[in-house]
Amino acid sequence: MKRAILLLLTGTLTALSAVVVVVTSAQAATACRATYTVTNAWPGGFQASVSIANLADPLTGWTVRFTFPDAGQRVSQGWNGTWSQSGTAVTVTNASWNASVGTGAALDLGFLGTLTGANPVPTAFSVNGVSCTGTVPPTNPTTTTGRRRASAASS
């Protein structure tokens, strides 16, 4: 009886090992244009908006990443996504209600930030690990207040 069960199990395992299925997930093409604008600034803080235009396939979930140029820049509160920061690296993931972004549509994100030094504009943005191409840094004004805009042009 033990021998019959052993043979049955061996035959089943052999049959199962002959069937190997490789599953890969389909990846939508990603291309984007990023616009970063400081909408307000005051000593020690600022408000900014980030607009990401989806120039490729529709997204069904997204993660936006950028890096602050100055170690003293910090996100204190953000909206239209879940914001986190580690060092100078900022990550924003979709909320449940805005995970889908159609071709030609834009993500409009915003946040309040603090700073202990300069407030230079980030110049590199990515969506789902793919860089938004053509990000051009603006000329920074000499004051700490006012509006600054960085826009990425599509290549």
N, C-alpha and C. Protein backbone atom coordinates (compact mmCIF):
# COMPACT_ATOMS: atom_id res chain seq x y z
N MET A 1 0.82 -1.18 0.00
CA MET A 1 0.00 0.00 0.00
C MET A 1 0.87 1.26 0.00
N LYS A 2 1.92 1.24 0.83
CA LYS A 2 2.81 2.40 0.87
C LYS A 2 3.48 2.60 -0.48
N ARG A 3 3.84 1.49 -1.11
CA ARG A 3 4.50 1.57 -2.41
C ARG A 3 3.54 2.16 -3.45
N ALA A 4 2.30 1.80 -3.43
CA ALA A 4 1.30 2.30 -4.38
C ALA A 4 1.08 3.80 -4.19
N ILE A 5 1.02 4.24 -2.93
CA ILE A 5 0.84 5.67 -2.65
C ILE A 5 2.08 6.44 -3.10
N LEU A 6 3.26 5.88 -2.85
CA LEU A 6 4.49 6.52 -3.26
C LEU A 6 4.56 6.64 -4.78
N LEU A 7 4.18 5.59 -5.49
CA LEU A 7 4.17 5.64 -6.95
C LEU A 7 3.16 6.65 -7.46
N LEU A 8 1.99 6.72 -6.81
CA LEU A 8 0.95 7.67 -7.21
C LEU A 8 1.44 9.11 -7.01
N LEU A 9 2.05 9.38 -5.87
CA LEU A 9 2.58 10.72 -5.60
C LEU A 9 3.71 11.07 -6.56
N THR A 10 4.60 10.13 -6.83
CA THR A 10 5.70 10.37 -7.75
C THR A 10 5.17 10.68 -9.14
N GLY A 11 4.19 9.90 -9.60
CA GLY A 11 3.59 10.15 -10.91
C GLY A 11 2.91 11.50 -10.98
N THR A 12 2.21 11.90 -9.92
CA THR A 12 1.53 13.19 -9.88
C THR A 12 2.53 14.32 -9.91
N LEU A 13 3.58 14.22 -9.11
CA LEU A 13 4.60 15.26 -9.10
C LEU A 13 5.31 15.36 -10.44
N THR A 14 5.57 14.23 -11.07
CA THR A 14 6.20 14.24 -12.39
C THR A 14 5.30 14.94 -13.40
N ALA A 15 4.01 14.64 -13.36
CA ALA A 15 3.06 15.26 -14.29
C ALA A 15 2.97 16.76 -14.03
N LEU A 16 2.95 17.16 -12.77
CA LEU A 16 2.87 18.58 -12.44
C LEU A 16 4.14 19.32 -12.84
N SER A 17 5.29 18.69 -12.69
CA SER A 17 6.53 19.38 -13.03
C SER A 17 6.69 19.54 -14.53
N ALA A 18 5.98 18.72 -15.31
CA ALA A 18 6.04 18.86 -16.76
C ALA A 18 5.25 20.07 -17.25
N VAL A 19 4.34 20.54 -16.43
CA VAL A 19 3.54 21.70 -16.81
C VAL A 19 4.07 22.91 -16.07
N VAL A 20 4.80 23.75 -16.77
CA VAL A 20 5.35 24.96 -16.18
C VAL A 20 4.74 26.14 -16.91
N VAL A 21 4.13 27.00 -16.17
CA VAL A 21 3.52 28.17 -16.75
C VAL A 21 4.27 29.40 -16.28
N VAL A 22 4.72 30.20 -17.21
CA VAL A 22 5.40 31.44 -16.87
C VAL A 22 4.38 32.56 -17.05
N VAL A 23 4.14 33.28 -15.98
CA VAL A 23 3.19 34.37 -16.03
C VAL A 23 3.96 35.69 -15.97
N THR A 24 3.73 36.54 -16.94
CA THR A 24 4.31 37.87 -16.92
C THR A 24 3.18 38.87 -17.03
N SER A 25 3.31 39.96 -16.33
CA SER A 25 2.27 40.98 -16.40
C SER A 25 2.54 41.91 -17.57
N ALA A 26 1.47 42.30 -18.21
CA ALA A 26 1.61 43.25 -19.32
C ALA A 26 1.87 44.63 -18.74
N GLN A 27 2.79 45.33 -19.33
CA GLN A 27 3.12 46.67 -18.88
C GLN A 27 2.65 47.68 -19.91
N ALA A 28 1.92 48.65 -19.47
CA ALA A 28 1.49 49.72 -20.37
C ALA A 28 2.67 50.64 -20.64
N ALA A 29 2.72 51.17 -21.82
CA ALA A 29 3.78 52.14 -22.15
C ALA A 29 3.56 53.39 -21.30
N THR A 30 4.65 53.94 -20.80
CA THR A 30 4.58 55.14 -19.97
C THR A 30 5.39 56.24 -20.62
N ALA A 31 4.80 57.40 -20.73
CA ALA A 31 5.50 58.61 -21.16
C ALA A 31 4.77 59.76 -20.49
N CYS A 32 5.52 60.75 -20.05
CA CYS A 32 4.89 61.81 -19.28
C CYS A 32 5.61 63.14 -19.46
N ARG A 33 4.91 64.18 -19.07
CA ARG A 33 5.47 65.53 -19.01
C ARG A 33 5.14 66.05 -17.62
N ALA A 34 6.13 66.57 -16.93
CA ALA A 34 5.95 67.06 -15.56
C ALA A 34 6.05 68.57 -15.50
N THR A 35 5.17 69.18 -14.72
CA THR A 35 5.24 70.61 -14.45
C THR A 35 5.22 70.80 -12.94
N TYR A 36 6.21 71.47 -12.41
CA TYR A 36 6.33 71.75 -10.97
C TYR A 36 6.24 73.26 -10.79
N THR A 37 5.34 73.70 -9.94
CA THR A 37 5.16 75.13 -9.72
C THR A 37 5.13 75.43 -8.23
N VAL A 38 5.97 76.36 -7.79
CA VAL A 38 5.85 76.88 -6.43
C VAL A 38 4.76 77.94 -6.49
N THR A 39 3.63 77.67 -5.84
CA THR A 39 2.49 78.57 -5.93
C THR A 39 2.49 79.64 -4.85
N ASN A 40 3.24 79.41 -3.78
CA ASN A 40 3.33 80.39 -2.70
C ASN A 40 4.57 80.05 -1.88
N ALA A 41 5.18 81.04 -1.29
CA ALA A 41 6.36 80.82 -0.45
C ALA A 41 6.40 81.85 0.66
N TRP A 42 6.94 81.46 1.78
CA TRP A 42 7.09 82.34 2.94
C TRP A 42 8.34 81.86 3.68
N PRO A 43 8.87 82.64 4.60
CA PRO A 43 10.07 82.20 5.32
C PRO A 43 9.84 80.85 5.99
N GLY A 44 10.63 79.86 5.61
CA GLY A 44 10.56 78.54 6.21
C GLY A 44 9.54 77.60 5.58
N GLY A 45 8.80 78.05 4.56
CA GLY A 45 7.80 77.16 3.97
C GLY A 45 7.38 77.56 2.58
N PHE A 46 6.63 76.67 1.95
CA PHE A 46 6.15 76.94 0.60
C PHE A 46 5.01 75.98 0.26
N GLN A 47 4.28 76.33 -0.79
CA GLN A 47 3.26 75.47 -1.35
C GLN A 47 3.62 75.23 -2.81
N ALA A 48 3.47 73.98 -3.27
CA ALA A 48 3.82 73.66 -4.66
C ALA A 48 2.78 72.74 -5.27
N SER A 49 2.73 72.76 -6.59
CA SER A 49 1.88 71.83 -7.33
C SER A 49 2.74 71.05 -8.32
N VAL A 50 2.33 69.84 -8.56
CA VAL A 50 2.99 68.97 -9.52
C VAL A 50 1.90 68.47 -10.46
N SER A 51 2.07 68.72 -11.74
CA SER A 51 1.13 68.22 -12.73
C SER A 51 1.89 67.25 -13.64
N ILE A 52 1.36 66.05 -13.76
CA ILE A 52 1.98 65.03 -14.60
C ILE A 52 1.01 64.70 -15.72
N ALA A 53 1.37 65.04 -16.94
CA ALA A 53 0.55 64.72 -18.11
C ALA A 53 0.90 63.32 -18.59
N ASN A 54 -0.11 62.46 -18.74
CA ASN A 54 0.09 61.11 -19.25
C ASN A 54 0.08 61.15 -20.77
N LEU A 55 1.22 60.89 -21.39
CA LEU A 55 1.35 60.97 -22.83
C LEU A 55 1.35 59.60 -23.51
N ALA A 56 1.01 58.55 -22.78
CA ALA A 56 1.06 57.20 -23.33
C ALA A 56 -0.22 56.43 -22.99
N ASP A 57 -0.07 55.13 -22.82
CA ASP A 57 -1.21 54.27 -22.52
C ASP A 57 -1.88 54.68 -21.21
N PRO A 58 -3.17 54.39 -21.06
CA PRO A 58 -3.85 54.68 -19.79
C PRO A 58 -3.16 53.96 -18.63
N LEU A 59 -3.15 54.61 -17.48
CA LEU A 59 -2.57 54.02 -16.27
C LEU A 59 -3.70 53.49 -15.39
N THR A 60 -3.46 52.36 -14.75
CA THR A 60 -4.43 51.82 -13.80
C THR A 60 -3.85 51.80 -12.39
N GLY A 61 -2.83 52.55 -12.18
CA GLY A 61 -2.16 52.73 -10.90
C GLY A 61 -0.88 53.47 -11.19
N TRP A 62 -0.43 54.30 -10.28
CA TRP A 62 0.76 55.10 -10.58
C TRP A 62 1.55 55.42 -9.32
N THR A 63 2.84 55.64 -9.54
CA THR A 63 3.75 56.12 -8.51
C THR A 63 4.60 57.21 -9.16
N VAL A 64 4.56 58.39 -8.59
CA VAL A 64 5.36 59.52 -9.06
C VAL A 64 6.54 59.68 -8.10
N ARG A 65 7.72 59.88 -8.65
CA ARG A 65 8.92 60.10 -7.83
C ARG A 65 9.66 61.33 -8.33
N PHE A 66 10.21 62.07 -7.37
CA PHE A 66 11.14 63.15 -7.69
C PHE A 66 12.04 63.36 -6.50
N THR A 67 13.11 64.11 -6.72
CA THR A 67 14.09 64.34 -5.65
C THR A 67 14.28 65.83 -5.48
N PHE A 68 14.17 66.28 -4.22
CA PHE A 68 14.46 67.68 -3.93
C PHE A 68 15.96 67.92 -4.09
N PRO A 69 16.37 69.03 -4.68
CA PRO A 69 17.79 69.34 -4.83
C PRO A 69 18.47 69.73 -3.52
N ASP A 70 17.70 70.22 -2.54
CA ASP A 70 18.28 70.71 -1.28
C ASP A 70 17.81 69.81 -0.13
N ALA A 71 18.74 69.41 0.74
CA ALA A 71 18.41 68.52 1.85
C ALA A 71 17.46 69.16 2.86
N GLY A 72 17.30 70.48 2.82
CA GLY A 72 16.40 71.16 3.75
C GLY A 72 14.96 71.24 3.29
N GLN A 73 14.64 70.73 2.11
CA GLN A 73 13.27 70.74 1.60
C GLN A 73 12.53 69.49 2.08
N ARG A 74 11.34 69.69 2.65
CA ARG A 74 10.55 68.57 3.18
C ARG A 74 9.09 68.75 2.83
N VAL A 75 8.42 67.67 2.49
CA VAL A 75 6.96 67.67 2.31
C VAL A 75 6.36 67.53 3.71
N SER A 76 5.47 68.47 4.08
CA SER A 76 4.81 68.35 5.37
C SER A 76 3.37 67.85 5.25
N GLN A 77 2.74 68.11 4.11
CA GLN A 77 1.36 67.66 3.89
C GLN A 77 1.10 67.67 2.39
N GLY A 78 0.48 66.61 1.87
CA GLY A 78 0.19 66.55 0.45
C GLY A 78 -1.24 66.13 0.20
N TRP A 79 -1.71 66.34 -1.04
CA TRP A 79 -3.06 65.95 -1.40
C TRP A 79 -3.09 65.31 -2.78
N ASN A 80 -4.17 64.62 -3.06
CA ASN A 80 -4.42 63.89 -4.31
C ASN A 80 -3.49 62.70 -4.50
N GLY A 81 -2.98 62.16 -3.41
CA GLY A 81 -2.13 60.98 -3.43
C GLY A 81 -1.60 60.73 -2.03
N THR A 82 -0.89 59.63 -1.87
CA THR A 82 -0.25 59.31 -0.60
C THR A 82 1.22 59.69 -0.71
N TRP A 83 1.63 60.66 0.09
CA TRP A 83 2.97 61.24 0.02
C TRP A 83 3.89 60.62 1.06
N SER A 84 5.14 60.37 0.65
CA SER A 84 6.17 59.96 1.61
C SER A 84 7.50 60.55 1.15
N GLN A 85 8.42 60.65 2.09
CA GLN A 85 9.73 61.21 1.78
C GLN A 85 10.78 60.49 2.60
N SER A 86 11.89 60.14 1.95
CA SER A 86 13.04 59.55 2.60
C SER A 86 14.26 60.34 2.13
N GLY A 87 14.87 61.08 3.05
CA GLY A 87 15.97 61.97 2.65
C GLY A 87 15.41 63.03 1.72
N THR A 88 15.97 63.14 0.54
CA THR A 88 15.48 64.11 -0.43
C THR A 88 14.52 63.48 -1.45
N ALA A 89 14.38 62.14 -1.41
CA ALA A 89 13.54 61.42 -2.37
C ALA A 89 12.07 61.47 -1.95
N VAL A 90 11.21 61.93 -2.86
CA VAL A 90 9.78 62.04 -2.60
C VAL A 90 9.04 61.03 -3.47
N THR A 91 8.07 60.34 -2.87
CA THR A 91 7.25 59.37 -3.59
C THR A 91 5.79 59.69 -3.33
N VAL A 92 4.99 59.67 -4.41
CA VAL A 92 3.54 59.87 -4.31
C VAL A 92 2.88 58.70 -5.02
N THR A 93 1.98 58.01 -4.34
CA THR A 93 1.22 56.92 -4.96
C THR A 93 -0.24 57.32 -5.06
N ASN A 94 -0.93 56.68 -5.99
CA ASN A 94 -2.33 57.03 -6.23
C ASN A 94 -3.21 56.77 -5.01
N ALA A 95 -4.27 57.55 -4.91
CA ALA A 95 -5.35 57.27 -3.97
C ALA A 95 -6.28 56.29 -4.68
N SER A 96 -7.22 55.69 -3.96
CA SER A 96 -8.12 54.73 -4.59
C SER A 96 -8.97 55.37 -5.67
N TRP A 97 -9.31 56.63 -5.49
CA TRP A 97 -10.22 57.30 -6.42
C TRP A 97 -9.54 57.90 -7.65
N ASN A 98 -8.20 57.96 -7.69
CA ASN A 98 -7.54 58.55 -8.86
C ASN A 98 -6.46 57.64 -9.45
N ALA A 99 -6.62 56.32 -9.29
CA ALA A 99 -5.63 55.37 -9.81
C ALA A 99 -5.63 55.32 -11.33
N SER A 100 -6.77 55.55 -11.95
CA SER A 100 -6.86 55.49 -13.42
C SER A 100 -6.60 56.86 -14.02
N VAL A 101 -5.68 56.90 -14.96
CA VAL A 101 -5.34 58.14 -15.66
C VAL A 101 -5.31 57.83 -17.15
N GLY A 102 -6.23 58.41 -17.90
CA GLY A 102 -6.31 58.14 -19.33
C GLY A 102 -5.20 58.81 -20.12
N THR A 103 -5.05 58.37 -21.36
CA THR A 103 -4.09 58.99 -22.27
C THR A 103 -4.49 60.45 -22.47
N GLY A 104 -3.55 61.35 -22.31
CA GLY A 104 -3.81 62.77 -22.46
C GLY A 104 -4.32 63.45 -21.20
N ALA A 105 -4.65 62.68 -20.18
CA ALA A 105 -5.13 63.25 -18.92
C ALA A 105 -3.92 63.61 -18.04
N ALA A 106 -4.19 64.35 -16.97
CA ALA A 106 -3.11 64.78 -16.08
C ALA A 106 -3.42 64.44 -14.64
N LEU A 107 -2.37 64.18 -13.89
CA LEU A 107 -2.44 64.06 -12.44
C LEU A 107 -2.12 65.43 -11.88
N ASP A 108 -2.97 65.95 -11.03
CA ASP A 108 -2.70 67.24 -10.40
C ASP A 108 -2.51 67.01 -8.91
N LEU A 109 -1.28 67.13 -8.47
CA LEU A 109 -0.89 66.88 -7.08
C LEU A 109 -0.46 68.19 -6.45
N GLY A 110 -0.53 68.26 -5.14
CA GLY A 110 -0.08 69.46 -4.45
C GLY A 110 0.42 69.13 -3.06
N PHE A 111 1.22 70.03 -2.52
CA PHE A 111 1.73 69.81 -1.17
C PHE A 111 2.18 71.10 -0.52
N LEU A 112 2.26 71.05 0.79
CA LEU A 112 2.89 72.09 1.60
C LEU A 112 4.25 71.56 2.00
N GLY A 113 5.24 72.44 1.98
CA GLY A 113 6.58 72.02 2.33
C GLY A 113 7.24 72.97 3.30
N THR A 114 8.27 72.47 3.94
CA THR A 114 9.10 73.29 4.81
C THR A 114 10.50 73.31 4.20
N LEU A 115 11.26 74.33 4.57
CA LEU A 115 12.64 74.41 4.09
C LEU A 115 13.50 75.10 5.12
N THR A 116 14.78 74.71 5.09
CA THR A 116 15.75 75.33 6.01
C THR A 116 16.85 76.04 5.25
N GLY A 117 16.77 76.05 3.96
CA GLY A 117 17.79 76.71 3.13
C GLY A 117 17.14 77.22 1.87
N ALA A 118 17.76 76.91 0.77
CA ALA A 118 17.24 77.32 -0.53
C ALA A 118 16.03 76.47 -0.91
N ASN A 119 15.32 76.91 -1.93
CA ASN A 119 14.16 76.17 -2.41
C ASN A 119 14.26 75.94 -3.92
N PRO A 120 15.34 75.24 -4.36
CA PRO A 120 15.45 74.98 -5.79
C PRO A 120 14.39 73.99 -6.26
N VAL A 121 14.05 74.08 -7.53
CA VAL A 121 13.00 73.26 -8.12
C VAL A 121 13.56 71.89 -8.53
N PRO A 122 12.86 70.81 -8.21
CA PRO A 122 13.28 69.49 -8.70
C PRO A 122 13.26 69.48 -10.23
N THR A 123 14.19 68.75 -10.84
CA THR A 123 14.29 68.76 -12.29
C THR A 123 14.06 67.39 -12.93
N ALA A 124 13.90 66.34 -12.14
CA ALA A 124 13.69 65.00 -12.71
C ALA A 124 12.50 64.35 -12.03
N PHE A 125 11.55 63.91 -12.83
CA PHE A 125 10.34 63.26 -12.34
C PHE A 125 10.19 61.93 -13.07
N SER A 126 9.55 60.95 -12.40
CA SER A 126 9.27 59.68 -13.07
C SER A 126 7.87 59.22 -12.68
N VAL A 127 7.28 58.42 -13.56
CA VAL A 127 6.00 57.77 -13.30
C VAL A 127 6.19 56.28 -13.52
N ASN A 128 5.87 55.50 -12.51
CA ASN A 128 6.02 54.04 -12.56
C ASN A 128 7.42 53.63 -13.03
N GLY A 129 8.43 54.37 -12.57
CA GLY A 129 9.81 54.03 -12.86
C GLY A 129 10.35 54.54 -14.18
N VAL A 130 9.51 55.20 -14.97
CA VAL A 130 9.95 55.72 -16.27
C VAL A 130 10.09 57.24 -16.17
N SER A 131 11.25 57.75 -16.56
CA SER A 131 11.51 59.19 -16.45
C SER A 131 10.61 59.99 -17.38
N CYS A 132 10.13 61.10 -16.85
CA CYS A 132 9.44 62.07 -17.69
C CYS A 132 10.55 62.79 -18.45
N THR A 133 10.47 62.82 -19.75
CA THR A 133 11.58 63.34 -20.55
C THR A 133 11.53 64.85 -20.68
N GLY A 134 12.70 65.42 -20.86
CA GLY A 134 12.83 66.83 -21.21
C GLY A 134 12.56 67.82 -20.10
N THR A 135 12.71 67.44 -18.83
CA THR A 135 12.47 68.37 -17.74
C THR A 135 13.48 69.51 -17.81
N VAL A 136 13.00 70.73 -17.82
CA VAL A 136 13.86 71.91 -17.93
C VAL A 136 13.71 72.73 -16.66
N PRO A 137 14.80 72.96 -15.92
CA PRO A 137 14.68 73.77 -14.71
C PRO A 137 14.47 75.24 -15.06
N PRO A 138 13.70 75.95 -14.26
CA PRO A 138 13.49 77.37 -14.50
C PRO A 138 14.67 78.18 -13.98
N THR A 139 14.69 79.42 -14.33
CA THR A 139 15.63 80.34 -13.70
C THR A 139 15.04 80.72 -12.36
N ASN A 140 15.77 80.47 -11.29
CA ASN A 140 15.25 80.77 -9.95
C ASN A 140 15.28 82.27 -9.69
N PRO A 141 14.20 82.81 -9.14
CA PRO A 141 14.20 84.22 -8.78
C PRO A 141 15.14 84.46 -7.60
N THR A 142 15.52 85.68 -7.40
CA THR A 142 16.47 86.00 -6.33
C THR A 142 15.79 86.07 -4.96
N THR A 143 14.47 86.12 -4.92
CA THR A 143 13.76 86.13 -3.63
C THR A 143 13.24 84.74 -3.33
N THR A 144 12.81 84.53 -2.10
CA THR A 144 12.29 83.23 -1.70
C THR A 144 10.78 83.15 -1.91
N THR A 145 10.18 84.18 -2.42
CA THR A 145 8.75 84.14 -2.69
C THR A 145 8.51 84.24 -4.18
N GLY A 146 7.32 83.93 -4.56
CA GLY A 146 6.96 84.05 -5.97
C GLY A 146 6.71 82.71 -6.61
N ARG A 147 6.57 82.72 -7.89
CA ARG A 147 6.19 81.53 -8.64
C ARG A 147 7.37 81.05 -9.47
N ARG A 148 7.62 79.75 -9.40
CA ARG A 148 8.65 79.13 -10.22
C ARG A 148 8.04 77.95 -10.93
N ARG A 149 8.44 77.74 -12.15
CA ARG A 149 7.85 76.68 -12.94
C ARG A 149 8.93 75.88 -13.65
N ALA A 150 8.81 74.55 -13.57
CA ALA A 150 9.67 73.66 -14.35
C ALA A 150 8.73 72.84 -15.22
N SER A 151 9.00 72.81 -16.48
CA SER A 151 8.14 72.06 -17.39
C SER A 151 8.98 71.11 -18.20
N ALA A 152 8.50 69.90 -18.33
CA ALA A 152 9.19 68.90 -19.14
C ALA A 152 8.54 68.89 -20.51
N ALA A 153 9.34 69.06 -21.52
CA ALA A 153 8.82 69.03 -22.89
C ALA A 153 8.94 67.61 -23.42
N SER A 154 7.96 67.16 -24.15
CA SER A 154 8.05 65.82 -24.72
C SER A 154 9.08 65.81 -25.83
N SER A 155 9.78 64.70 -25.92
CA SER A 155 10.84 64.57 -26.93
C SER A 155 10.28 64.11 -28.24
